[in-house]
């Protein structure tokens, strides 16, 4: 079996459940690469080679060494037995989506990407830390800081969620970036990359851990009818420059 492990669901984040519910130390028991956020939605988390990096709303990226800190939502994985080798002279967000569409044999499999490249253009956003009572995530995105970078080298890490798992994962690619010098990061909105190489791992097992000790989770009523639209607003409609 090849497993991608996820603590929490995207629907919970979209609904404003930002309290940390699992320590990073427990997350790292399930893989070496991943993405997520921190307690109170404090920035963007990128996990690479068993190390955890946090990009905060001021644009500063630093390694987290206190693994007792908690996350409300993080996905993590190790390399899968099932994978697609990726090597592209030029790559954009749109062309990455096209690659996904060309591989119908894994259209319903959760996937992850880890890709190194040189980025002539990179646009990222960073979720700012929130204070209770927490607003819905769509409201947060209206005030989130956005950063534009040029000519930076680094790694894209993220997940692909088939429509089948909408609400659990984002439908399509959910990508984070970490520069080679570990000083630039964030949730990727758009990019132009060259000399891209890496792998897309495919998973036949999705392991979801739920925060059953959290009262807000236990009392939460999901808005199923509107969740897909809210995710599209947060993940897709902000990707254009």
C-alpha atoms as a PDB file:
ATOM      1  CA  UNK A   1       0.000   0.000   0.000  1.00  0.00           C
ATOM      2  CA  UNK A   2       1.051   3.597  -0.691  1.00  0.00           C
ATOM      3  CA  UNK A   3      -0.493   6.057   1.755  1.00  0.00           C
ATOM      4  CA  UNK A   4      -0.985   9.793   1.981  1.00  0.00           C
ATOM      5  CA  UNK A   5      -1.791  10.816   5.553  1.00  0.00           C
ATOM      6  CA  UNK A   6      -3.870  13.864   6.369  1.00  0.00           C
ATOM      7  CA  UNK A   7      -4.779  15.390   9.711  1.00  0.00           C
ATOM      8  CA  UNK A   8      -8.082  17.237   9.436  1.00  0.00           C
ATOM      9  CA  UNK A   9      -9.973  18.097   6.265  1.00  0.00           C
ATOM     10  CA  UNK A  10     -10.018  21.105   4.001  1.00  0.00           C
ATOM     11  CA  UNK A  11     -13.717  21.639   4.737  1.00  0.00           C
ATOM     12  CA  UNK A  12     -12.862  22.227   8.398  1.00  0.00           C
ATOM     13  CA  UNK A  13     -10.343  24.902   7.440  1.00  0.00           C
ATOM     14  CA  UNK A  14     -12.777  26.515   5.007  1.00  0.00           C
ATOM     15  CA  UNK A  15     -15.328  26.670   7.852  1.00  0.00           C
ATOM     16  CA  UNK A  16     -12.932  28.420  10.225  1.00  0.00           C
ATOM     17  CA  UNK A  17     -11.768  25.597  12.506  1.00  0.00           C
ATOM     18  CA  UNK A  18      -8.204  26.834  12.945  1.00  0.00           C
ATOM     19  CA  UNK A  19      -7.293  25.530  16.407  1.00  0.00           C
ATOM     20  CA  UNK A  20      -4.258  23.252  16.389  1.00  0.00           C
ATOM     21  CA  UNK A  21      -5.298  19.678  17.123  1.00  0.00           C
ATOM     22  CA  UNK A  22      -2.154  17.589  16.500  1.00  0.00           C
ATOM     23  CA  UNK A  23       1.533  18.185  17.327  1.00  0.00           C
ATOM     24  CA  UNK A  24       3.966  18.307  14.444  1.00  0.00           C
ATOM     25  CA  UNK A  25       5.895  15.461  16.064  1.00  0.00           C
ATOM     26  CA  UNK A  26       2.960  13.104  15.466  1.00  0.00           C
ATOM     27  CA  UNK A  27       2.550  14.323  11.882  1.00  0.00           C
ATOM     28  CA  UNK A  28       6.178  13.479  11.078  1.00  0.00           C
ATOM     29  CA  UNK A  29       5.551   9.862  12.062  1.00  0.00           C
ATOM     30  CA  UNK A  30       3.642   9.482   8.805  1.00  0.00           C
ATOM     31  CA  UNK A  31       6.048  10.761   6.162  1.00  0.00           C
ATOM     32  CA  UNK A  32       8.781  13.177   5.154  1.00  0.00           C
ATOM     33  CA  UNK A  33       7.147  15.638   2.714  1.00  0.00           C
ATOM     34  CA  UNK A  34       3.937  17.602   2.995  1.00  0.00           C
ATOM     35  CA  UNK A  35       1.985  20.842   3.357  1.00  0.00           C
ATOM     36  CA  UNK A  36      -0.308  22.433   5.917  1.00  0.00           C
ATOM     37  CA  UNK A  37      -0.822  25.322   8.291  1.00  0.00           C
ATOM     38  CA  UNK A  38      -0.307  26.072  11.980  1.00  0.00           C
ATOM     39  CA  UNK A  39      -2.490  26.744  15.019  1.00  0.00           C
ATOM     40  CA  UNK A  40      -4.706  29.817  14.480  1.00  0.00           C
ATOM     41  CA  UNK A  41      -4.016  29.555  10.718  1.00  0.00           C
ATOM     42  CA  UNK A  42      -0.589  31.076  11.347  1.00  0.00           C
ATOM     43  CA  UNK A  43       1.027  30.915   7.917  1.00  0.00           C
ATOM     44  CA  UNK A  44       1.896  28.230   5.405  1.00  0.00           C
ATOM     45  CA  UNK A  45       3.745  25.027   6.317  1.00  0.00           C
ATOM     46  CA  UNK A  46       6.001  23.112   3.956  1.00  0.00           C
ATOM     47  CA  UNK A  47       7.608  19.849   5.031  1.00  0.00           C
ATOM     48  CA  UNK A  48      10.646  18.639   3.129  1.00  0.00           C
ATOM     49  CA  UNK A  49      13.157  15.932   4.064  1.00  0.00           C
ATOM     50  CA  UNK A  50      11.586  15.587   7.536  1.00  0.00           C
ATOM     51  CA  UNK A  51      12.060  19.296   8.298  1.00  0.00           C
ATOM     52  CA  UNK A  52       9.145  21.680   8.866  1.00  0.00           C
ATOM     53  CA  UNK A  53       9.204  25.246   7.537  1.00  0.00           C
ATOM     54  CA  UNK A  54       6.696  27.975   8.313  1.00  0.00           C
ATOM     55  CA  UNK A  55       6.129  31.029   6.127  1.00  0.00           C
ATOM     56  CA  UNK A  56       4.410  33.780   8.087  1.00  0.00           C
ATOM     57  CA  UNK A  57       2.292  36.692   6.884  1.00  0.00           C
ATOM     58  CA  UNK A  58       5.316  39.024   6.786  1.00  0.00           C
ATOM     59  CA  UNK A  59       6.860  36.765   4.154  1.00  0.00           C
ATOM     60  CA  UNK A  60       9.575  35.402   6.434  1.00  0.00           C
ATOM     61  CA  UNK A  61      10.233  31.656   6.261  1.00  0.00           C
ATOM     62  CA  UNK A  62      11.918  29.793   9.109  1.00  0.00           C
ATOM     63  CA  UNK A  63      12.356  26.201  10.205  1.00  0.00           C
ATOM     64  CA  UNK A  64      10.173  25.059  13.095  1.00  0.00           C
ATOM     65  CA  UNK A  65      12.269  23.179  15.633  1.00  0.00           C
ATOM     66  CA  UNK A  66       9.642  22.983  18.409  1.00  0.00           C
ATOM     67  CA  UNK A  67       7.681  19.988  17.198  1.00  0.00           C
ATOM     68  CA  UNK A  68       5.224  20.219  20.083  1.00  0.00           C
ATOM     69  CA  UNK A  69       3.528  23.077  18.203  1.00  0.00           C
ATOM     70  CA  UNK A  70       0.180  22.045  16.753  1.00  0.00           C
ATOM     71  CA  UNK A  71      -1.506  22.059  13.374  1.00  0.00           C
ATOM     72  CA  UNK A  72      -5.210  21.961  12.446  1.00  0.00           C
ATOM     73  CA  UNK A  73      -4.532  20.666   8.934  1.00  0.00           C
ATOM     74  CA  UNK A  74      -1.495  18.990   7.395  1.00  0.00           C
ATOM     75  CA  UNK A  75      -0.969  16.285   4.800  1.00  0.00           C
ATOM     76  CA  UNK A  76       2.226  14.263   4.628  1.00  0.00           C
ATOM     77  CA  UNK A  77       3.596  11.291   2.734  1.00  0.00           C
ATOM     78  CA  UNK A  78       6.656   9.272   1.842  1.00  0.00           C
ATOM     79  CA  UNK A  79       7.544   8.314  -1.704  1.00  0.00           C
ATOM     80  CA  UNK A  80       5.035   5.934  -3.237  1.00  0.00           C
ATOM     81  CA  UNK A  81       5.566   2.703  -5.101  1.00  0.00           C
ATOM     82  CA  UNK A  82       3.338   4.255  -7.765  1.00  0.00           C
ATOM     83  CA  UNK A  83       4.758   7.396  -9.356  1.00  0.00           C
ATOM     84  CA  UNK A  84       5.100   9.413 -12.530  1.00  0.00           C
ATOM     85  CA  UNK A  85       8.506  10.888 -13.358  1.00  0.00           C
ATOM     86  CA  UNK A  86       8.216  14.573 -14.223  1.00  0.00           C
ATOM     87  CA  UNK A  87      10.707  16.400 -16.444  1.00  0.00           C
ATOM     88  CA  UNK A  88       9.597  19.506 -18.337  1.00  0.00           C
ATOM     89  CA  UNK A  89      11.610  22.240 -20.044  1.00  0.00           C
ATOM     90  CA  UNK A  90       8.856  24.730 -19.242  1.00  0.00           C
ATOM     91  CA  UNK A  91       5.970  24.364 -16.826  1.00  0.00           C
ATOM     92  CA  UNK A  92       3.108  26.564 -15.603  1.00  0.00           C
ATOM     93  CA  UNK A  93       0.152  25.962 -13.323  1.00  0.00           C
ATOM     94  CA  UNK A  94      -2.035  25.423 -16.384  1.00  0.00           C
ATOM     95  CA  UNK A  95       0.344  22.954 -18.014  1.00  0.00           C
ATOM     96  CA  UNK A  96       0.642  21.016 -14.759  1.00  0.00           C
ATOM     97  CA  UNK A  97      -3.151  20.749 -14.739  1.00  0.00           C
ATOM     98  CA  UNK A  98      -3.012  19.508 -18.331  1.00  0.00           C
ATOM     99  CA  UNK A  99      -0.525  16.791 -17.369  1.00  0.00           C
ATOM    100  CA  UNK A 100      -2.982  15.605 -14.741  1.00  0.00           C
ATOM    101  CA  UNK A 101      -5.805  15.461 -17.288  1.00  0.00           C
ATOM    102  CA  UNK A 102      -3.688  13.410 -19.699  1.00  0.00           C
ATOM    103  CA  UNK A 103      -3.298  10.583 -17.174  1.00  0.00           C
ATOM    104  CA  UNK A 104      -6.839   9.271 -16.898  1.00  0.00           C
ATOM    105  CA  UNK A 105      -5.626   6.014 -15.355  1.00  0.00           C
ATOM    106  CA  UNK A 106      -5.039   7.852 -12.076  1.00  0.00           C
ATOM    107  CA  UNK A 107      -7.847  10.392 -12.321  1.00  0.00           C
ATOM    108  CA  UNK A 108      -9.407   9.151  -9.063  1.00  0.00           C
ATOM    109  CA  UNK A 109      -6.193   8.624  -7.093  1.00  0.00           C
ATOM    110  CA  UNK A 110      -4.888  11.179  -4.596  1.00  0.00           C
ATOM    111  CA  UNK A 111      -1.453  12.345  -5.687  1.00  0.00           C
ATOM    112  CA  UNK A 112       1.447  14.493  -4.550  1.00  0.00           C
ATOM    113  CA  UNK A 113       4.190  16.371  -6.326  1.00  0.00           C
ATOM    114  CA  UNK A 114       7.741  17.251  -5.384  1.00  0.00           C
ATOM    115  CA  UNK A 115       9.408  19.221  -8.160  1.00  0.00           C
ATOM    116  CA  UNK A 116      12.572  21.290  -8.354  1.00  0.00           C
ATOM    117  CA  UNK A 117      12.808  24.102 -10.903  1.00  0.00           C
ATOM    118  CA  UNK A 118      13.922  27.624 -11.675  1.00  0.00           C
ATOM    119  CA  UNK A 119      11.008  30.032 -11.445  1.00  0.00           C
ATOM    120  CA  UNK A 120      11.030  33.165 -13.584  1.00  0.00           C
ATOM    121  CA  UNK A 121       7.704  34.115 -11.991  1.00  0.00           C
ATOM    122  CA  UNK A 122       6.229  32.967  -8.700  1.00  0.00           C
ATOM    123  CA  UNK A 123       3.130  34.263  -6.947  1.00  0.00           C
ATOM    124  CA  UNK A 124       2.316  33.056  -3.446  1.00  0.00           C
ATOM    125  CA  UNK A 125      -0.045  33.964  -0.672  1.00  0.00           C
ATOM    126  CA  UNK A 126       0.277  33.469   3.067  1.00  0.00           C
ATOM    127  CA  UNK A 127      -2.649  33.052   5.432  1.00  0.00           C
ATOM    128  CA  UNK A 128      -2.312  35.500   8.361  1.00  0.00           C
ATOM    129  CA  UNK A 129      -2.738  34.399  11.962  1.00  0.00           C
ATOM    130  CA  UNK A 130      -6.356  34.639  13.157  1.00  0.00           C
ATOM    131  CA  UNK A 131      -8.019  35.442  16.474  1.00  0.00           C
ATOM    132  CA  UNK A 132     -11.225  33.831  17.739  1.00  0.00           C
ATOM    133  CA  UNK A 133     -14.020  34.030  16.826  1.00  0.00           C
ATOM    134  CA  UNK A 134     -12.440  32.840  13.584  1.00  0.00           C
ATOM    135  CA  UNK A 135     -13.806  34.071  10.252  1.00  0.00           C
ATOM    136  CA  UNK A 136     -14.445  31.634   7.375  1.00  0.00           C
ATOM    137  CA  UNK A 137     -11.396  31.020   5.223  1.00  0.00           C
ATOM    138  CA  UNK A 138     -12.869  32.777   2.183  1.00  0.00           C
ATOM    139  CA  UNK A 139     -12.998  35.983   4.251  1.00  0.00           C
ATOM    140  CA  UNK A 140      -9.365  35.464   5.252  1.00  0.00           C
ATOM    141  CA  UNK A 141      -8.285  35.215   1.610  1.00  0.00           C
ATOM    142  CA  UNK A 142      -9.675  38.691   0.916  1.00  0.00           C
ATOM    143  CA  UNK A 143      -7.073  40.170   3.271  1.00  0.00           C
ATOM    144  CA  UNK A 144      -4.182  37.766   2.802  1.00  0.00           C
ATOM    145  CA  UNK A 145      -0.763  39.131   1.832  1.00  0.00           C
ATOM    146  CA  UNK A 146       0.407  38.145  -1.655  1.00  0.00           C
ATOM    147  CA  UNK A 147       4.067  38.065  -2.693  1.00  0.00           C
ATOM    148  CA  UNK A 148       5.533  38.076  -6.196  1.00  0.00           C
ATOM    149  CA  UNK A 149       9.046  36.755  -6.836  1.00  0.00           C
ATOM    150  CA  UNK A 150      11.229  36.529  -9.917  1.00  0.00           C
ATOM    151  CA  UNK A 151      14.147  34.280 -10.782  1.00  0.00           C
ATOM    152  CA  UNK A 152      14.116  32.063  -7.713  1.00  0.00           C
ATOM    153  CA  UNK A 153      15.029  28.372  -7.510  1.00  0.00           C
ATOM    154  CA  UNK A 154      13.239  25.965  -5.254  1.00  0.00           C
ATOM    155  CA  UNK A 155      10.784  23.138  -4.767  1.00  0.00           C
ATOM    156  CA  UNK A 156       7.065  22.770  -5.305  1.00  0.00           C
ATOM    157  CA  UNK A 157       5.418  20.383  -2.872  1.00  0.00           C
ATOM    158  CA  UNK A 158       1.721  19.713  -2.836  1.00  0.00           C
ATOM    159  CA  UNK A 159      -1.257  17.438  -3.327  1.00  0.00           C
ATOM    160  CA  UNK A 160      -3.715  16.632  -6.076  1.00  0.00           C
ATOM    161  CA  UNK A 161      -7.263  15.938  -4.941  1.00  0.00           C
ATOM    162  CA  UNK A 162      -9.661  14.259  -7.392  1.00  0.00           C
ATOM    163  CA  UNK A 163     -13.226  15.600  -7.413  1.00  0.00           C
ATOM    164  CA  UNK A 164     -14.190  12.369  -5.657  1.00  0.00           C
ATOM    165  CA  UNK A 165     -12.643  13.698  -2.430  1.00  0.00           C
ATOM    166  CA  UNK A 166     -13.845  17.305  -2.618  1.00  0.00           C
ATOM    167  CA  UNK A 167     -14.178  18.703   0.886  1.00  0.00           C
ATOM    168  CA  UNK A 168     -11.581  16.330   2.260  1.00  0.00           C
ATOM    169  CA  UNK A 169      -8.901  17.652  -0.107  1.00  0.00           C
ATOM    170  CA  UNK A 170      -8.819  20.556  -2.542  1.00  0.00           C
ATOM    171  CA  UNK A 171      -9.997  19.496  -5.985  1.00  0.00           C
ATOM    172  CA  UNK A 172      -6.975  19.794  -8.254  1.00  0.00           C
ATOM    173  CA  UNK A 173      -3.509  20.893  -7.209  1.00  0.00           C
ATOM    174  CA  UNK A 174      -2.839  22.496  -3.816  1.00  0.00           C
ATOM    175  CA  UNK A 175       0.803  23.615  -3.961  1.00  0.00           C
ATOM    176  CA  UNK A 176       3.339  25.164  -1.608  1.00  0.00           C
ATOM    177  CA  UNK A 177       6.793  26.486  -2.457  1.00  0.00           C
ATOM    178  CA  UNK A 178      10.112  26.474  -0.613  1.00  0.00           C
ATOM    179  CA  UNK A 179      13.211  28.133  -2.030  1.00  0.00           C
ATOM    180  CA  UNK A 180      16.556  26.354  -2.141  1.00  0.00           C
ATOM    181  CA  UNK A 181      17.934  28.672   0.544  1.00  0.00           C
ATOM    182  CA  UNK A 182      14.792  28.072   2.677  1.00  0.00           C
ATOM    183  CA  UNK A 183      13.981  31.806   2.944  1.00  0.00           C
ATOM    184  CA  UNK A 184      10.963  32.045   0.594  1.00  0.00           C
ATOM    185  CA  UNK A 185       7.752  30.082   0.854  1.00  0.00           C
ATOM    186  CA  UNK A 186       3.987  30.182   0.627  1.00  0.00           C
ATOM    187  CA  UNK A 187       0.842  28.802  -0.976  1.00  0.00           C
ATOM    188  CA  UNK A 188       1.338  28.919  -4.738  1.00  0.00           C
ATOM    189  CA  UNK A 189      -1.144  30.924  -6.796  1.00  0.00           C
ATOM    190  CA  UNK A 190       0.752  31.046 -10.085  1.00  0.00           C
ATOM    191  CA  UNK A 191       4.175  30.222 -11.534  1.00  0.00           C
ATOM    192  CA  UNK A 192       6.326  30.009 -14.641  1.00  0.00           C
ATOM    193  CA  UNK A 193       9.085  27.407 -14.254  1.00  0.00           C
ATOM    194  CA  UNK A 194      11.918  26.061 -16.376  1.00  0.00           C
ATOM    195  CA  UNK A 195      14.058  22.922 -16.170  1.00  0.00           C
ATOM    196  CA  UNK A 196      11.519  21.271 -13.928  1.00  0.00           C
ATOM    197  CA  UNK A 197      12.191  17.786 -12.661  1.00  0.00           C
ATOM    198  CA  UNK A 198      10.749  15.609  -9.949  1.00  0.00           C
ATOM    199  CA  UNK A 199       7.978  13.102  -9.412  1.00  0.00           C
ATOM    200  CA  UNK A 200       4.249  12.807  -8.989  1.00  0.00           C
ATOM    201  CA  UNK A 201       3.447  10.117  -6.440  1.00  0.00           C
ATOM    202  CA  UNK A 202       0.118   8.275  -6.607  1.00  0.00           C
ATOM    203  CA  UNK A 203      -1.623   6.790  -3.594  1.00  0.00           C
ATOM    204  CA  UNK A 204      -4.103   3.970  -3.263  1.00  0.00           C
ATOM    205  CA  UNK A 205      -4.724   4.718   0.397  1.00  0.00           C
ATOM    206  CA  UNK A 206      -5.882   7.998   1.963  1.00  0.00           C
ATOM    207  CA  UNK A 207      -5.574   8.049   5.755  1.00  0.00           C
ATOM    208  CA  UNK A 208      -7.629  10.788   7.430  1.00  0.00           C
ATOM    209  CA  UNK A 209      -7.099  11.552  11.129  1.00  0.00           C
ATOM    210  CA  UNK A 210      -9.928  13.544  12.721  1.00  0.00           C
ATOM    211  CA  UNK A 211      -9.624  15.863  15.761  1.00  0.00           C
ATOM    212  CA  UNK A 212     -12.179  14.058  17.905  1.00  0.00           C
ATOM    213  CA  UNK A 213     -10.931  15.722  21.105  1.00  0.00           C
ATOM    214  CA  UNK A 214     -11.805  19.162  19.741  1.00  0.00           C
ATOM    215  CA  UNK A 215     -15.279  20.451  20.780  1.00  0.00           C
ATOM    216  CA  UNK A 216     -15.586  22.685  17.709  1.00  0.00           C
ATOM    217  CA  UNK A 217     -15.092  19.656  15.466  1.00  0.00           C
ATOM    218  CA  UNK A 218     -17.568  17.547  17.409  1.00  0.00           C
ATOM    219  CA  UNK A 219     -20.227  20.271  17.121  1.00  0.00           C
ATOM    220  CA  UNK A 220     -19.447  21.238  13.523  1.00  0.00           C
ATOM    221  CA  UNK A 221     -22.141  21.005  10.842  1.00  0.00           C
ATOM    222  CA  UNK A 222     -20.651  20.954   7.349  1.00  0.00           C
ATOM    223  CA  UNK A 223     -22.157  23.169   4.652  1.00  0.00           C
ATOM    224  CA  UNK A 224     -21.946  20.542   1.921  1.00  0.00           C
ATOM    225  CA  UNK A 225     -23.913  22.492  -0.684  1.00  0.00           C
ATOM    226  CA  UNK A 226     -21.551  25.477  -0.627  1.00  0.00           C
ATOM    227  CA  UNK A 227     -18.196  23.906   0.225  1.00  0.00           C
ATOM    228  CA  UNK A 228     -17.110  23.245  -3.373  1.00  0.00           C
ATOM    229  CA  UNK A 229     -17.744  26.852  -4.404  1.00  0.00           C
ATOM    230  CA  UNK A 230     -15.899  28.149  -1.340  1.00  0.00           C
ATOM    231  CA  UNK A 231     -12.881  25.950  -2.073  1.00  0.00           C
ATOM    232  CA  UNK A 232     -12.817  27.135  -5.686  1.00  0.00           C
ATOM    233  CA  UNK A 233     -12.797  30.763  -4.543  1.00  0.00           C
ATOM    234  CA  UNK A 234      -9.983  30.171  -2.081  1.00  0.00           C
ATOM    235  CA  UNK A 235      -7.866  27.857  -4.231  1.00  0.00           C
ATOM    236  CA  UNK A 236      -8.579  28.795  -7.841  1.00  0.00           C
ATOM    237  CA  UNK A 237     -10.016  32.224  -8.453  1.00  0.00           C
ATOM    238  CA  UNK A 238      -7.052  33.932  -6.810  1.00  0.00           C
ATOM    239  CA  UNK A 239      -4.485  32.234  -9.037  1.00  0.00           C
ATOM    240  CA  UNK A 240      -4.568  34.807 -11.807  1.00  0.00           C
ATOM    241  CA  UNK A 241      -2.360  37.868 -11.848  1.00  0.00           C
END
